[in-house]
Amino acid sequence: MSHSQHVQPPDQHTLDAARRGEQWACTEVWLCLAPRVRAFLHARGSREPDDLTSEVFLAVFRGLDGFVGGPDQFVAFVFTVARRRLVDELRRRSRRPVLAEWAEEDDTRLCESAEHEALLRVEDRDVRDLLLLLSPDQREVLELRLLADLTVAQVAEVLGKPPGAVKALQRRGLAALRGRQPSAVLPTPGQGVVTP
Protein backbone atom coordinates (compact mmCIF):
# COMPACT_ATOMS: atom_id res chain seq x y z
CA MET A 1 0.00 0.00 0.00
CA SER A 2 1.33 3.41 -0.87
CA HIS A 3 1.60 5.84 1.99
CA SER A 4 -0.14 8.46 -0.14
CA GLN A 5 -3.22 6.30 -0.60
CA HIS A 6 -5.62 6.41 2.34
CA VAL A 7 -7.78 3.31 2.59
CA GLN A 8 -11.35 4.07 3.60
CA PRO A 9 -12.91 1.90 6.31
CA PRO A 10 -15.88 -0.27 5.36
CA ASP A 11 -19.09 1.76 5.21
CA GLN A 12 -22.03 1.25 7.58
CA HIS A 13 -23.98 -0.78 5.00
CA THR A 14 -21.05 -3.19 4.62
CA LEU A 15 -20.64 -3.47 8.40
CA ASP A 16 -24.34 -4.21 8.87
CA ALA A 17 -24.18 -6.89 6.17
CA ALA A 18 -21.05 -8.39 7.77
CA ARG A 19 -22.90 -8.56 11.09
CA ARG A 20 -25.59 -10.59 9.33
CA GLY A 21 -22.85 -12.91 8.04
CA GLU A 22 -23.17 -11.98 4.38
CA GLN A 23 -20.10 -13.32 2.59
CA TRP A 24 -19.62 -10.37 0.23
CA ALA A 25 -19.48 -7.98 3.19
CA CYS A 26 -16.99 -10.08 5.14
CA THR A 27 -14.83 -10.28 2.02
CA GLU A 28 -15.03 -6.50 1.59
CA VAL A 29 -14.01 -5.95 5.22
CA TRP A 30 -11.07 -8.33 4.76
CA LEU A 31 -9.90 -6.70 1.52
CA CYS A 32 -10.16 -3.24 3.01
CA LEU A 33 -8.36 -3.83 6.31
CA ALA A 34 -6.23 -7.00 6.10
CA PRO A 35 -3.25 -5.38 4.31
CA ARG A 36 -3.08 -2.66 6.97
CA VAL A 37 -3.39 -5.18 9.81
CA ARG A 38 -0.68 -7.37 8.28
CA ALA A 39 1.69 -4.40 7.87
CA PHE A 40 1.16 -3.44 11.50
CA LEU A 41 1.70 -7.00 12.77
CA HIS A 42 4.81 -7.42 10.62
CA ALA A 43 6.28 -4.13 11.82
CA ARG A 44 5.61 -5.06 15.45
CA GLY A 45 7.54 -8.34 15.12
CA SER A 46 5.06 -11.07 14.29
CA ARG A 47 6.86 -14.13 12.91
CA GLU A 48 3.78 -15.20 10.98
CA PRO A 49 1.92 -11.98 10.11
CA ASP A 50 -0.26 -13.67 7.50
CA ASP A 51 -1.45 -16.35 9.92
CA LEU A 52 -1.91 -13.83 12.70
CA THR A 53 -3.92 -11.56 10.39
CA SER A 54 -6.23 -14.48 9.69
CA GLU A 55 -6.61 -15.12 13.43
CA VAL A 56 -7.41 -11.46 13.97
CA PHE A 57 -10.19 -11.48 11.42
CA LEU A 58 -11.64 -14.74 12.70
CA ALA A 59 -11.89 -13.08 16.12
CA VAL A 60 -13.29 -9.89 14.59
CA PHE A 61 -15.99 -11.73 12.66
CA ARG A 62 -16.91 -13.78 15.76
CA GLY A 63 -17.15 -10.57 17.78
CA LEU A 64 -19.24 -8.57 15.31
CA ASP A 65 -22.47 -9.24 17.21
CA GLY A 66 -21.10 -7.39 20.23
CA PHE A 67 -19.55 -4.52 18.28
CA VAL A 68 -21.26 -1.15 18.66
CA GLY A 69 -20.20 1.85 16.59
CA GLY A 70 -19.58 3.12 13.10
CA PRO A 71 -16.86 2.55 10.53
CA ASP A 72 -14.14 4.51 12.36
CA GLN A 73 -14.82 2.71 15.63
CA PHE A 74 -14.79 -0.58 13.72
CA VAL A 75 -11.27 0.10 12.43
CA ALA A 76 -10.15 0.83 15.99
CA PHE A 77 -11.87 -2.39 17.13
CA VAL A 78 -9.99 -4.41 14.47
CA PHE A 79 -6.62 -2.95 15.49
CA THR A 80 -7.39 -3.47 19.17
CA VAL A 81 -7.96 -7.16 18.41
CA ALA A 82 -4.77 -7.22 16.31
CA ARG A 83 -2.73 -5.66 19.07
CA ARG A 84 -4.04 -8.14 21.65
CA ARG A 85 -3.36 -11.12 19.39
CA LEU A 86 0.16 -9.85 18.76
CA VAL A 87 0.80 -9.51 22.50
CA ASP A 88 -0.39 -13.11 22.91
CA GLU A 89 1.99 -14.28 20.15
CA LEU A 90 4.94 -12.42 21.64
CA ARG A 91 4.23 -13.86 25.10
CA ARG A 92 4.02 -17.40 23.70
CA ARG A 93 7.31 -16.92 21.87
CA SER A 94 9.07 -15.60 24.94
CA ARG A 95 8.05 -18.69 26.93
CA ARG A 96 9.15 -21.23 24.36
CA PRO A 97 11.42 -20.40 21.46
CA VAL A 98 10.73 -22.22 18.22
CA LEU A 99 13.59 -24.14 16.67
CA ALA A 100 13.30 -25.27 13.08
CA GLU A 101 15.58 -27.30 10.90
CA TRP A 102 16.92 -25.33 7.94
CA ALA A 103 15.52 -26.27 4.56
CA GLU A 104 16.58 -24.46 1.41
CA GLU A 105 13.04 -24.36 0.00
CA ASP A 106 11.80 -22.59 3.16
CA ASP A 107 14.58 -20.01 3.25
CA THR A 108 12.88 -16.69 2.49
CA ARG A 109 16.24 -14.94 2.18
CA LEU A 110 16.69 -16.46 -1.27
CA CYS A 111 15.17 -14.61 -4.18
CA GLU A 112 15.45 -14.35 -7.90
CA SER A 113 17.47 -11.15 -7.61
CA ALA A 114 18.85 -9.68 -4.41
CA GLU A 115 18.84 -6.26 -6.01
CA HIS A 116 15.17 -6.60 -6.96
CA GLU A 117 14.27 -7.75 -3.44
CA ALA A 118 16.18 -4.86 -1.88
CA LEU A 119 14.41 -2.32 -4.05
CA LEU A 120 11.03 -3.75 -3.11
CA ARG A 121 11.73 -3.53 0.62
CA VAL A 122 13.93 -0.46 0.96
CA GLU A 123 11.18 1.97 1.96
CA ASP A 124 9.59 -0.36 4.53
CA ARG A 125 12.97 -1.36 5.95
CA ASP A 126 14.13 2.24 6.16
CA VAL A 127 10.95 3.25 7.96
CA ARG A 128 11.17 0.29 10.36
CA ASP A 129 14.87 0.97 11.05
CA LEU A 130 14.11 4.61 11.78
CA LEU A 131 11.21 3.68 14.06
CA LEU A 132 13.56 1.55 16.18
CA LEU A 133 15.25 4.78 17.27
CA LEU A 134 12.11 5.89 19.12
CA SER A 135 10.62 5.17 22.50
CA PRO A 136 8.15 2.24 22.48
CA ASP A 137 5.13 4.59 22.79
CA GLN A 138 6.30 6.84 19.96
CA ARG A 139 7.11 3.84 17.78
CA GLU A 140 3.71 2.24 18.34
CA VAL A 141 1.87 5.47 17.54
CA LEU A 142 3.87 6.01 14.34
CA GLU A 143 3.46 2.38 13.24
CA LEU A 144 -0.30 2.65 13.65
CA ARG A 145 -0.36 6.02 11.87
CA LEU A 146 2.12 5.24 9.06
CA LEU A 147 1.86 1.51 8.45
CA ALA A 148 -1.75 0.89 9.44
CA ASP A 149 -2.87 4.34 8.21
CA LEU A 150 -5.14 4.89 11.21
CA THR A 151 -6.48 8.30 12.21
CA VAL A 152 -5.42 9.94 15.46
CA ALA A 153 -8.83 9.08 16.98
CA GLN A 154 -8.49 5.43 15.95
CA VAL A 155 -4.96 5.19 17.38
CA ALA A 156 -6.20 6.78 20.61
CA GLU A 157 -8.94 4.17 20.87
CA VAL A 158 -6.59 1.26 20.11
CA LEU A 159 -4.00 2.40 22.66
CA GLY A 160 -6.44 3.69 25.27
CA LYS A 161 -4.84 7.16 25.23
CA PRO A 162 -6.38 10.59 24.73
CA PRO A 163 -6.10 11.95 21.16
CA GLY A 164 -3.92 14.81 22.45
CA ALA A 165 -1.42 12.32 23.85
CA VAL A 166 -1.34 10.46 20.52
CA LYS A 167 -0.70 13.74 18.65
CA ALA A 168 2.07 14.64 21.09
CA LEU A 169 3.72 11.22 20.74
CA GLN A 170 3.50 11.47 16.96
CA ARG A 171 4.92 15.00 16.90
CA ARG A 172 7.78 14.12 19.29
CA GLY A 173 8.50 10.88 17.41
CA LEU A 174 8.72 12.62 14.04
CA ALA A 175 10.87 15.38 15.56
CA ALA A 176 13.19 12.79 17.08
CA LEU A 177 13.53 11.01 13.75
CA ARG A 178 14.26 14.23 11.92
CA GLY A 179 16.82 15.16 14.56
CA ARG A 180 18.62 11.83 14.27
CA GLN A 181 18.26 11.40 10.52
CA PRO A 182 17.94 14.91 9.02
CA SER A 183 18.19 13.63 5.45
CA ALA A 184 15.68 10.80 5.92
CA VAL A 185 12.53 10.64 3.83
CA LEU A 186 9.65 10.08 6.23
CA PRO A 187 6.10 9.18 5.26
CA THR A 188 3.52 11.54 6.69
CA PRO A 189 0.20 9.99 7.75
CA GLY A 190 -2.35 10.50 4.98
CA GLN A 191 -0.08 12.84 2.99
CA GLY A 192 2.45 10.62 1.23
CA VAL A 193 6.22 10.61 1.58
CA VAL A 194 7.85 13.92 2.39
CA THR A 195 11.39 15.03 3.02
CA PRO A 196 12.03 16.77 6.32
C-alpha atoms as a PDB file:
ATOM      1  CA  MET A   1       0.000   0.000   0.000  1.00  0.00           C
ATOM      2  CA  SER A   2       1.331   3.406  -0.874  1.00  0.00           C
ATOM      3  CA  HIS A   3       1.600   5.844   1.992  1.00  0.00           C
ATOM      4  CA  SER A   4      -0.138   8.457  -0.136  1.00  0.00           C
ATOM      5  CA  GLN A   5      -3.221   6.304  -0.604  1.00  0.00           C
ATOM      6  CA  HIS A   6      -5.620   6.409   2.339  1.00  0.00           C
ATOM      7  CA  VAL A   7      -7.780   3.305   2.592  1.00  0.00           C
ATOM      8  CA  GLN A   8     -11.346   4.074   3.595  1.00  0.00           C
ATOM      9  CA  PRO A   9     -12.913   1.904   6.307  1.00  0.00           C
ATOM     10  CA  PRO A  10     -15.876  -0.269   5.357  1.00  0.00           C
ATOM     11  CA  ASP A  11     -19.085   1.763   5.214  1.00  0.00           C
ATOM     12  CA  GLN A  12     -22.034   1.253   7.580  1.00  0.00           C
ATOM     13  CA  HIS A  13     -23.983  -0.783   4.998  1.00  0.00           C
ATOM     14  CA  THR A  14     -21.051  -3.192   4.621  1.00  0.00           C
ATOM     15  CA  LEU A  15     -20.637  -3.467   8.400  1.00  0.00           C
ATOM     16  CA  ASP A  16     -24.338  -4.211   8.867  1.00  0.00           C
ATOM     17  CA  ALA A  17     -24.182  -6.895   6.168  1.00  0.00           C
ATOM     18  CA  ALA A  18     -21.054  -8.395   7.766  1.00  0.00           C
ATOM     19  CA  ARG A  19     -22.903  -8.560  11.094  1.00  0.00           C
ATOM     20  CA  ARG A  20     -25.590 -10.588   9.326  1.00  0.00           C
ATOM     21  CA  GLY A  21     -22.851 -12.909   8.043  1.00  0.00           C
ATOM     22  CA  GLU A  22     -23.170 -11.976   4.376  1.00  0.00           C
ATOM     23  CA  GLN A  23     -20.099 -13.323   2.593  1.00  0.00           C
ATOM     24  CA  TRP A  24     -19.618 -10.370   0.234  1.00  0.00           C
ATOM     25  CA  ALA A  25     -19.477  -7.976   3.189  1.00  0.00           C
ATOM     26  CA  CYS A  26     -16.986 -10.084   5.136  1.00  0.00           C
ATOM     27  CA  THR A  27     -14.826 -10.280   2.015  1.00  0.00           C
ATOM     28  CA  GLU A  28     -15.029  -6.503   1.590  1.00  0.00           C
ATOM     29  CA  VAL A  29     -14.005  -5.945   5.218  1.00  0.00           C
ATOM     30  CA  TRP A  30     -11.069  -8.327   4.762  1.00  0.00           C
ATOM     31  CA  LEU A  31      -9.901  -6.699   1.523  1.00  0.00           C
ATOM     32  CA  CYS A  32     -10.163  -3.239   3.012  1.00  0.00           C
ATOM     33  CA  LEU A  33      -8.359  -3.831   6.307  1.00  0.00           C
ATOM     34  CA  ALA A  34      -6.227  -6.996   6.096  1.00  0.00           C
ATOM     35  CA  PRO A  35      -3.250  -5.375   4.311  1.00  0.00           C
ATOM     36  CA  ARG A  36      -3.079  -2.660   6.967  1.00  0.00           C
ATOM     37  CA  VAL A  37      -3.387  -5.177   9.809  1.00  0.00           C
ATOM     38  CA  ARG A  38      -0.678  -7.371   8.284  1.00  0.00           C
ATOM     39  CA  ALA A  39       1.689  -4.402   7.867  1.00  0.00           C
ATOM     40  CA  PHE A  40       1.155  -3.443  11.499  1.00  0.00           C
ATOM     41  CA  LEU A  41       1.702  -6.996  12.767  1.00  0.00           C
ATOM     42  CA  HIS A  42       4.813  -7.423  10.616  1.00  0.00           C
ATOM     43  CA  ALA A  43       6.284  -4.133  11.816  1.00  0.00           C
ATOM     44  CA  ARG A  44       5.610  -5.058  15.454  1.00  0.00           C
ATOM     45  CA  GLY A  45       7.536  -8.335  15.120  1.00  0.00           C
ATOM     46  CA  SER A  46       5.062 -11.073  14.287  1.00  0.00           C
ATOM     47  CA  ARG A  47       6.862 -14.134  12.906  1.00  0.00           C
ATOM     48  CA  GLU A  48       3.784 -15.201  10.982  1.00  0.00           C
ATOM     49  CA  PRO A  49       1.916 -11.980  10.114  1.00  0.00           C
ATOM     50  CA  ASP A  50      -0.262 -13.674   7.500  1.00  0.00           C
ATOM     51  CA  ASP A  51      -1.451 -16.347   9.923  1.00  0.00           C
ATOM     52  CA  LEU A  52      -1.914 -13.826  12.704  1.00  0.00           C
ATOM     53  CA  THR A  53      -3.917 -11.555  10.390  1.00  0.00           C
ATOM     54  CA  SER A  54      -6.230 -14.483   9.690  1.00  0.00           C
ATOM     55  CA  GLU A  55      -6.608 -15.115  13.429  1.00  0.00           C
ATOM     56  CA  VAL A  56      -7.407 -11.456  13.971  1.00  0.00           C
ATOM     57  CA  PHE A  57     -10.194 -11.477  11.417  1.00  0.00           C
ATOM     58  CA  LEU A  58     -11.636 -14.738  12.703  1.00  0.00           C
ATOM     59  CA  ALA A  59     -11.892 -13.079  16.118  1.00  0.00           C
ATOM     60  CA  VAL A  60     -13.292  -9.888  14.595  1.00  0.00           C
ATOM     61  CA  PHE A  61     -15.994 -11.733  12.664  1.00  0.00           C
ATOM     62  CA  ARG A  62     -16.910 -13.780  15.755  1.00  0.00           C
ATOM     63  CA  GLY A  63     -17.151 -10.567  17.778  1.00  0.00           C
ATOM     64  CA  LEU A  64     -19.237  -8.569  15.311  1.00  0.00           C
ATOM     65  CA  ASP A  65     -22.471  -9.238  17.208  1.00  0.00           C
ATOM     66  CA  GLY A  66     -21.102  -7.391  20.234  1.00  0.00           C
ATOM     67  CA  PHE A  67     -19.548  -4.515  18.282  1.00  0.00           C
ATOM     68  CA  VAL A  68     -21.257  -1.148  18.661  1.00  0.00           C
ATOM     69  CA  GLY A  69     -20.203   1.845  16.586  1.00  0.00           C
ATOM     70  CA  GLY A  70     -19.583   3.125  13.097  1.00  0.00           C
ATOM     71  CA  PRO A  71     -16.861   2.547  10.531  1.00  0.00           C
ATOM     72  CA  ASP A  72     -14.137   4.513  12.357  1.00  0.00           C
ATOM     73  CA  GLN A  73     -14.818   2.714  15.629  1.00  0.00           C
ATOM     74  CA  PHE A  74     -14.786  -0.576  13.719  1.00  0.00           C
ATOM     75  CA  VAL A  75     -11.266   0.103  12.425  1.00  0.00           C
ATOM     76  CA  ALA A  76     -10.150   0.832  15.994  1.00  0.00           C
ATOM     77  CA  PHE A  77     -11.873  -2.391  17.130  1.00  0.00           C
ATOM     78  CA  VAL A  78      -9.987  -4.412  14.470  1.00  0.00           C
ATOM     79  CA  PHE A  79      -6.619  -2.953  15.492  1.00  0.00           C
ATOM     80  CA  THR A  80      -7.386  -3.474  19.174  1.00  0.00           C
ATOM     81  CA  VAL A  81      -7.960  -7.162  18.414  1.00  0.00           C
ATOM     82  CA  ALA A  82      -4.772  -7.223  16.306  1.00  0.00           C
ATOM     83  CA  ARG A  83      -2.726  -5.656  19.072  1.00  0.00           C
ATOM     84  CA  ARG A  84      -4.041  -8.139  21.651  1.00  0.00           C
ATOM     85  CA  ARG A  85      -3.356 -11.122  19.392  1.00  0.00           C
ATOM     86  CA  LEU A  86       0.163  -9.851  18.764  1.00  0.00           C
ATOM     87  CA  VAL A  87       0.799  -9.509  22.504  1.00  0.00           C
ATOM     88  CA  ASP A  88      -0.389 -13.107  22.913  1.00  0.00           C
ATOM     89  CA  GLU A  89       1.991 -14.285  20.152  1.00  0.00           C
ATOM     90  CA  LEU A  90       4.942 -12.420  21.645  1.00  0.00           C
ATOM     91  CA  ARG A  91       4.233 -13.861  25.100  1.00  0.00           C
ATOM     92  CA  ARG A  92       4.020 -17.396  23.704  1.00  0.00           C
ATOM     93  CA  ARG A  93       7.306 -16.919  21.871  1.00  0.00           C
ATOM     94  CA  SER A  94       9.067 -15.605  24.940  1.00  0.00           C
ATOM     95  CA  ARG A  95       8.049 -18.690  26.930  1.00  0.00           C
ATOM     96  CA  ARG A  96       9.149 -21.227  24.355  1.00  0.00           C
ATOM     97  CA  PRO A  97      11.418 -20.402  21.462  1.00  0.00           C
ATOM     98  CA  VAL A  98      10.728 -22.217  18.223  1.00  0.00           C
ATOM     99  CA  LEU A  99      13.593 -24.137  16.675  1.00  0.00           C
ATOM    100  CA  ALA A 100      13.301 -25.265  13.077  1.00  0.00           C
ATOM    101  CA  GLU A 101      15.584 -27.301  10.897  1.00  0.00           C
ATOM    102  CA  TRP A 102      16.923 -25.330   7.939  1.00  0.00           C
ATOM    103  CA  ALA A 103      15.516 -26.267   4.559  1.00  0.00           C
ATOM    104  CA  GLU A 104      16.584 -24.462   1.412  1.00  0.00           C
ATOM    105  CA  GLU A 105      13.041 -24.357   0.000  1.00  0.00           C
ATOM    106  CA  ASP A 106      11.802 -22.587   3.164  1.00  0.00           C
ATOM    107  CA  ASP A 107      14.584 -20.008   3.253  1.00  0.00           C
ATOM    108  CA  THR A 108      12.883 -16.691   2.486  1.00  0.00           C
ATOM    109  CA  ARG A 109      16.243 -14.943   2.179  1.00  0.00           C
ATOM    110  CA  LEU A 110      16.688 -16.460  -1.268  1.00  0.00           C
ATOM    111  CA  CYS A 111      15.166 -14.605  -4.178  1.00  0.00           C
ATOM    112  CA  GLU A 112      15.450 -14.354  -7.902  1.00  0.00           C
ATOM    113  CA  SER A 113      17.471 -11.149  -7.606  1.00  0.00           C
ATOM    114  CA  ALA A 114      18.846  -9.682  -4.407  1.00  0.00           C
ATOM    115  CA  GLU A 115      18.837  -6.255  -6.005  1.00  0.00           C
ATOM    116  CA  HIS A 116      15.166  -6.600  -6.957  1.00  0.00           C
ATOM    117  CA  GLU A 117      14.268  -7.751  -3.445  1.00  0.00           C
ATOM    118  CA  ALA A 118      16.181  -4.858  -1.883  1.00  0.00           C
ATOM    119  CA  LEU A 119      14.412  -2.317  -4.051  1.00  0.00           C
ATOM    120  CA  LEU A 120      11.031  -3.754  -3.111  1.00  0.00           C
ATOM    121  CA  ARG A 121      11.734  -3.532   0.616  1.00  0.00           C
ATOM    122  CA  VAL A 122      13.926  -0.462   0.961  1.00  0.00           C
ATOM    123  CA  GLU A 123      11.176   1.970   1.960  1.00  0.00           C
ATOM    124  CA  ASP A 124       9.586  -0.355   4.531  1.00  0.00           C
ATOM    125  CA  ARG A 125      12.969  -1.360   5.949  1.00  0.00           C
ATOM    126  CA  ASP A 126      14.130   2.241   6.161  1.00  0.00           C
ATOM    127  CA  VAL A 127      10.950   3.250   7.959  1.00  0.00           C
ATOM    128  CA  ARG A 128      11.174   0.288  10.355  1.00  0.00           C
ATOM    129  CA  ASP A 129      14.869   0.973  11.053  1.00  0.00           C
ATOM    130  CA  LEU A 130      14.110   4.611  11.779  1.00  0.00           C
ATOM    131  CA  LEU A 131      11.208   3.682  14.059  1.00  0.00           C
ATOM    132  CA  LEU A 132      13.555   1.548  16.178  1.00  0.00           C
ATOM    133  CA  LEU A 133      15.253   4.785  17.270  1.00  0.00           C
ATOM    134  CA  LEU A 134      12.108   5.891  19.115  1.00  0.00           C
ATOM    135  CA  SER A 135      10.618   5.166  22.504  1.00  0.00           C
ATOM    136  CA  PRO A 136       8.152   2.243  22.481  1.00  0.00           C
ATOM    137  CA  ASP A 137       5.131   4.592  22.792  1.00  0.00           C
ATOM    138  CA  GLN A 138       6.297   6.844  19.958  1.00  0.00           C
ATOM    139  CA  ARG A 139       7.115   3.835  17.784  1.00  0.00           C
ATOM    140  CA  GLU A 140       3.709   2.238  18.336  1.00  0.00           C
ATOM    141  CA  VAL A 141       1.873   5.471  17.535  1.00  0.00           C
ATOM    142  CA  LEU A 142       3.866   6.013  14.335  1.00  0.00           C
ATOM    143  CA  GLU A 143       3.458   2.377  13.244  1.00  0.00           C
ATOM    144  CA  LEU A 144      -0.300   2.654  13.649  1.00  0.00           C
ATOM    145  CA  ARG A 145      -0.360   6.022  11.873  1.00  0.00           C
ATOM    146  CA  LEU A 146       2.124   5.242   9.060  1.00  0.00           C
ATOM    147  CA  LEU A 147       1.864   1.506   8.452  1.00  0.00           C
ATOM    148  CA  ALA A 148      -1.746   0.889   9.441  1.00  0.00           C
ATOM    149  CA  ASP A 149      -2.869   4.335   8.212  1.00  0.00           C
ATOM    150  CA  LEU A 150      -5.142   4.890  11.207  1.00  0.00           C
ATOM    151  CA  THR A 151      -6.482   8.296  12.208  1.00  0.00           C
ATOM    152  CA  VAL A 152      -5.415   9.936  15.461  1.00  0.00           C
ATOM    153  CA  ALA A 153      -8.826   9.081  16.982  1.00  0.00           C
ATOM    154  CA  GLN A 154      -8.488   5.425  15.951  1.00  0.00           C
ATOM    155  CA  VAL A 155      -4.961   5.191  17.376  1.00  0.00           C
ATOM    156  CA  ALA A 156      -6.200   6.778  20.610  1.00  0.00           C
ATOM    157  CA  GLU A 157      -8.935   4.166  20.867  1.00  0.00           C
ATOM    158  CA  VAL A 158      -6.588   1.259  20.105  1.00  0.00           C
ATOM    159  CA  LEU A 159      -4.000   2.404  22.661  1.00  0.00           C
ATOM    160  CA  GLY A 160      -6.442   3.690  25.265  1.00  0.00           C
ATOM    161  CA  LYS A 161      -4.839   7.158  25.232  1.00  0.00           C
ATOM    162  CA  PRO A 162      -6.384  10.588  24.733  1.00  0.00           C
ATOM    163  CA  PRO A 163      -6.099  11.954  21.163  1.00  0.00           C
ATOM    164  CA  GLY A 164      -3.924  14.814  22.445  1.00  0.00           C
ATOM    165  CA  ALA A 165      -1.418  12.322  23.854  1.00  0.00           C
ATOM    166  CA  VAL A 166      -1.344  10.464  20.523  1.00  0.00           C
ATOM    167  CA  LYS A 167      -0.701  13.737  18.652  1.00  0.00           C
ATOM    168  CA  ALA A 168       2.071  14.642  21.089  1.00  0.00           C
ATOM    169  CA  LEU A 169       3.716  11.218  20.744  1.00  0.00           C
ATOM    170  CA  GLN A 170       3.497  11.469  16.957  1.00  0.00           C
ATOM    171  CA  ARG A 171       4.922  14.996  16.902  1.00  0.00           C
ATOM    172  CA  ARG A 172       7.777  14.119  19.288  1.00  0.00           C
ATOM    173  CA  GLY A 173       8.497  10.883  17.407  1.00  0.00           C
ATOM    174  CA  LEU A 174       8.722  12.623  14.045  1.00  0.00           C
ATOM    175  CA  ALA A 175      10.868  15.380  15.557  1.00  0.00           C
ATOM    176  CA  ALA A 176      13.192  12.788  17.084  1.00  0.00           C
ATOM    177  CA  LEU A 177      13.527  11.007  13.750  1.00  0.00           C
ATOM    178  CA  ARG A 178      14.255  14.228  11.918  1.00  0.00           C
ATOM    179  CA  GLY A 179      16.819  15.161  14.564  1.00  0.00           C
ATOM    180  CA  ARG A 180      18.618  11.833  14.266  1.00  0.00           C
ATOM    181  CA  GLN A 181      18.256  11.397  10.523  1.00  0.00           C
ATOM    182  CA  PRO A 182      17.938  14.907   9.017  1.00  0.00           C
ATOM    183  CA  SER A 183      18.189  13.634   5.448  1.00  0.00           C
ATOM    184  CA  ALA A 184      15.680  10.800   5.920  1.00  0.00           C
ATOM    185  CA  VAL A 185      12.534  10.644   3.832  1.00  0.00           C
ATOM    186  CA  LEU A 186       9.652  10.075   6.233  1.00  0.00           C
ATOM    187  CA  PRO A 187       6.100   9.176   5.264  1.00  0.00           C
ATOM    188  CA  THR A 188       3.524  11.537   6.693  1.00  0.00           C
ATOM    189  CA  PRO A 189       0.202   9.989   7.752  1.00  0.00           C
ATOM    190  CA  GLY A 190      -2.345  10.501   4.980  1.00  0.00           C
ATOM    191  CA  GLN A 191      -0.079  12.842   2.985  1.00  0.00           C
ATOM    192  CA  GLY A 192       2.450  10.624   1.233  1.00  0.00           C
ATOM    193  CA  VAL A 193       6.218  10.608   1.578  1.00  0.00           C
ATOM    194  CA  VAL A 194       7.846  13.924   2.385  1.00  0.00           C
ATOM    195  CA  THR A 195      11.391  15.031   3.023  1.00  0.00           C
ATOM    196  CA  PRO A 196      12.033  16.770   6.317  1.00  0.00           C
END
